[in-house]
Every structure is written in structure tokens, then in C-alpha cells.
Protein backbone atom coordinates (compact mmCIF):
# COMPACT_ATOMS: atom_id res chain seq x y z
CA UNK A 1 -12.87 3.47 -33.97
CA UNK A 2 -11.37 6.24 -36.14
CA UNK A 3 -11.38 9.85 -34.61
CA UNK A 4 -13.70 8.89 -31.67
CA UNK A 5 -11.66 5.79 -30.99
CA UNK A 6 -8.59 7.86 -30.60
CA UNK A 7 -10.44 10.99 -28.44
CA UNK A 8 -11.29 8.38 -26.07
CA UNK A 9 -8.15 6.54 -25.55
CA UNK A 10 -6.36 10.12 -25.13
CA UNK A 11 -9.47 10.94 -22.26
CA UNK A 12 -9.12 7.54 -20.56
CA UNK A 13 -5.39 8.05 -20.39
CA UNK A 14 -5.29 11.98 -19.03
CA UNK A 15 -8.02 10.38 -16.11
CA UNK A 16 -5.90 7.25 -15.70
CA UNK A 17 -2.53 10.02 -15.26
CA UNK A 18 -4.87 13.05 -13.15
CA UNK A 19 -6.10 9.72 -10.57
CA UNK A 20 -1.91 8.73 -11.37
CA UNK A 21 -1.18 11.99 -9.93
CA UNK A 22 -2.98 12.39 -6.93
CA UNK A 23 -3.01 9.00 -5.74
CA UNK A 24 1.18 9.46 -5.67
CA UNK A 25 0.18 11.84 -2.22
CA UNK A 26 -1.55 9.25 -0.53
CA UNK A 27 1.05 6.70 1.66
CA UNK A 28 1.71 3.85 -0.29
CA UNK A 29 2.53 1.43 2.40
CA UNK A 30 4.03 -2.09 1.94
CA UNK A 31 2.98 -5.39 0.33
CA UNK A 32 2.07 -7.11 3.71
CA UNK A 33 0.26 -3.33 4.98
CA UNK A 34 -0.96 -1.23 2.26
CA UNK A 35 -1.81 1.98 3.25
CA UNK A 36 -4.25 4.49 1.90
CA UNK A 37 -2.67 5.29 -1.49
CA UNK A 38 -2.09 1.25 -2.24
CA UNK A 39 -5.25 0.34 -4.43
CA UNK A 40 -5.84 3.81 -5.81
CA UNK A 41 -2.31 3.79 -7.41
CA UNK A 42 -2.36 0.58 -8.67
CA UNK A 43 -5.22 0.77 -10.36
CA UNK A 44 -4.65 4.29 -12.22
CA UNK A 45 -1.33 2.62 -13.33
CA UNK A 46 -3.79 -0.47 -14.67
CA UNK A 47 -5.78 1.84 -15.92
CA UNK A 48 -2.95 4.17 -17.84
CA UNK A 49 -1.98 0.62 -19.45
CA UNK A 50 -5.02 -0.28 -20.44
CA UNK A 51 -5.66 2.71 -21.82
CA UNK A 52 -2.73 2.96 -23.46
CA UNK A 53 -3.53 -0.61 -25.27
CA UNK A 54 -6.84 1.41 -26.86
CA UNK A 55 -4.93 4.21 -28.06
CA UNK A 56 -3.37 1.43 -29.75
CA UNK A 57 -6.19 -0.13 -31.62
CA UNK A 58 -8.26 3.66 -32.26
CA UNK A 59 -5.05 4.35 -34.75
CA UNK A 60 -4.63 1.02 -35.99
CA UNK A 61 -8.05 1.36 -36.85
CA UNK A 62 -7.86 4.45 -37.98
CA UNK A 63 -4.51 3.17 -40.15
CA UNK A 64 -6.53 0.65 -41.51
CA UNK A 65 -9.83 2.99 -42.60
CA UNK A 66 -12.07 0.75 -40.57
CA UNK A 67 -15.83 1.28 -40.52
CA UNK A 68 -17.77 3.28 -38.35
CA UNK A 69 -19.81 2.48 -35.22
CA UNK A 70 -23.24 3.03 -35.68
CA UNK A 71 -26.03 3.53 -33.57
CA UNK A 72 -29.15 1.24 -33.97
CA UNK A 73 -32.71 0.55 -32.51
CA UNK A 74 -31.26 -2.85 -31.82
CA UNK A 75 -29.02 -1.41 -29.62
CA UNK A 76 -31.24 1.59 -28.19
CA UNK A 77 -33.11 -1.86 -26.57
CA UNK A 78 -30.68 -3.91 -25.38
CA UNK A 79 -29.84 -0.52 -22.93
CA UNK A 80 -32.82 0.15 -22.40
CA UNK A 81 -33.39 -3.93 -21.19
CA UNK A 82 -29.59 -3.73 -19.27
CA UNK A 83 -30.60 0.18 -17.84
CA UNK A 84 -33.86 -1.77 -16.46
CA UNK A 85 -31.93 -4.32 -15.06
CA UNK A 86 -29.69 -2.40 -13.16
CA UNK A 87 -32.54 -0.86 -11.46
CA UNK A 88 -34.48 -4.09 -10.49
CA UNK A 89 -31.64 -5.40 -9.24
CA UNK A 90 -31.62 -2.25 -7.08
CA UNK A 91 -34.88 -2.69 -5.74
CA UNK A 92 -34.41 -6.49 -5.00
CA UNK A 93 -31.07 -6.49 -3.64
CA UNK A 94 -32.00 -6.04 -0.11
CA UNK A 95 -35.12 -8.31 0.00
CA UNK A 96 -33.45 -10.85 -2.00
CA UNK A 97 -29.95 -10.93 -0.54
CA UNK A 98 -26.51 -10.98 -2.86
CA UNK A 99 -26.01 -14.12 -3.52
CA UNK A 100 -30.02 -14.45 -5.55
CA UNK A 101 -30.40 -11.11 -6.69
CA UNK A 102 -26.57 -11.16 -8.17
CA UNK A 103 -27.40 -14.94 -9.56
CA UNK A 104 -31.00 -13.33 -11.31
CA UNK A 105 -29.28 -10.03 -12.67
CA UNK A 106 -26.68 -11.87 -14.49
CA UNK A 107 -28.73 -14.32 -15.85
CA UNK A 108 -31.04 -11.95 -17.04
CA UNK A 109 -28.08 -10.15 -18.58
CA UNK A 110 -26.53 -12.67 -20.40
CA UNK A 111 -30.53 -14.28 -21.22
CA UNK A 112 -31.82 -11.22 -21.86
CA UNK A 113 -29.49 -8.41 -23.16
CA UNK A 114 -26.17 -10.66 -24.97
CA UNK A 115 -28.90 -14.16 -25.89
CA UNK A 116 -26.07 -16.84 -24.80
CA UNK A 117 -27.61 -20.72 -24.25
CA UNK A 118 -28.76 -21.19 -20.85
CA UNK A 119 -25.96 -23.74 -20.34
CA UNK A 120 -23.34 -20.82 -20.00
CA UNK A 121 -26.13 -18.63 -18.48
CA UNK A 122 -26.77 -20.49 -15.94
CA UNK A 123 -22.86 -21.89 -14.81
CA UNK A 124 -21.36 -18.57 -15.54
CA UNK A 125 -24.51 -16.67 -13.24
CA UNK A 126 -23.78 -19.61 -10.59
CA UNK A 127 -20.18 -18.53 -10.50
CA UNK A 128 -20.04 -14.98 -10.39
CA UNK A 129 -22.36 -14.57 -7.38
CA UNK A 130 -20.63 -17.15 -5.73
CA UNK A 131 -17.08 -15.69 -6.14
CA UNK A 132 -18.03 -12.54 -6.06
CA UNK A 133 -19.55 -13.01 -2.99
CA UNK A 134 -16.63 -15.42 -1.65
CA UNK A 135 -14.30 -11.95 -2.71
CA UNK A 136 -16.52 -9.27 -0.56
CA UNK A 137 -18.98 -11.54 1.72
CA UNK A 138 -15.86 -13.28 2.98
CA UNK A 139 -12.18 -12.35 2.03
CA UNK A 140 -12.90 -8.45 2.83
CA UNK A 141 -15.86 -8.77 5.31
CA UNK A 142 -17.81 -6.52 2.81
CA UNK A 143 -21.93 -5.90 4.98
CA UNK A 144 -23.62 -7.53 1.98
CA UNK A 145 -28.06 -8.22 2.50
CA UNK A 146 -28.50 -12.20 3.41
CA UNK A 147 -31.89 -11.57 1.54
CA UNK A 148 -34.32 -14.82 1.93
CA UNK A 149 -31.31 -16.87 2.33
CA UNK A 150 -29.79 -15.59 5.70
CA UNK A 151 -26.40 -15.32 4.49
């Protein structure tokens, strides 16, 4: 990770601290009745904690003299596949609906980009699309497109 990892972690920590500062200006509320600052403050705090972990890892790797990460031609193919998948997801999201498009999105990412086994791909994609639908569609009542399933 080296110098780049330390700089990235410090940048992330600065962003988290700025978000904490700004979120602290909003009313927090209580656990049973959160207000506008509740989620931003919690998320900024979590981001700050994770950036501190990242900073610790980066400093440790730098002291150990770990090799630096190199971007080769294979990584550009995977980045292009991921970006193309995101574009396709955005194009079919309304017509296929949330559940099917999310399932296909995860399947493609895990199979084509990460080269996972089919059994793992199907299980992870199914539970990811189902869990996110339950959280956003049912618990949070977010308007998600039903698509061909009509859900």
C-alpha cells in the first residue's frame, strides 16, 4: 500500500471528519425518533472508524515494505466489464424491475468479472436481491420498479 495507501486513508479520514462536523449541526433526535442528523452522523462516524483501520493497515504495510499495487491490462478489462454492467443495469432497471435486474447484475459481476463458481453466484445473487428488496422495498417503502414481475 505504501505512501498512496496512507494518503488515501488520510483523505478518507478528513472527509469523514468534515461529514461528522457538518452532520453535528443537524438535529440528532433519539433512537426511536431519529431526525435529520441521525443517519449522517452515524455513517460519518463509521466512515471515520474504518478510515482509521485503513490508515493503520497502510502504515503497517509501509513499515513492512510491501510491494506496490500495479495496474495491468487485465484489471482494465475487469473495470470495463464492471462499468458496462452498471450501464446495462441502469438501462434495464425500469423494464425488468428491481429484483430481476439486481439478480442479473450480481450474477454478471460475480461470474464474468470475479470468476466465481455458479453455485456461489446464484446463491449470492438470489439472497442479495431478496435482502435488498426486503430492506428497501418493504421496510423502507422505497418506490422500486416492479418490472415484468409486477412487485
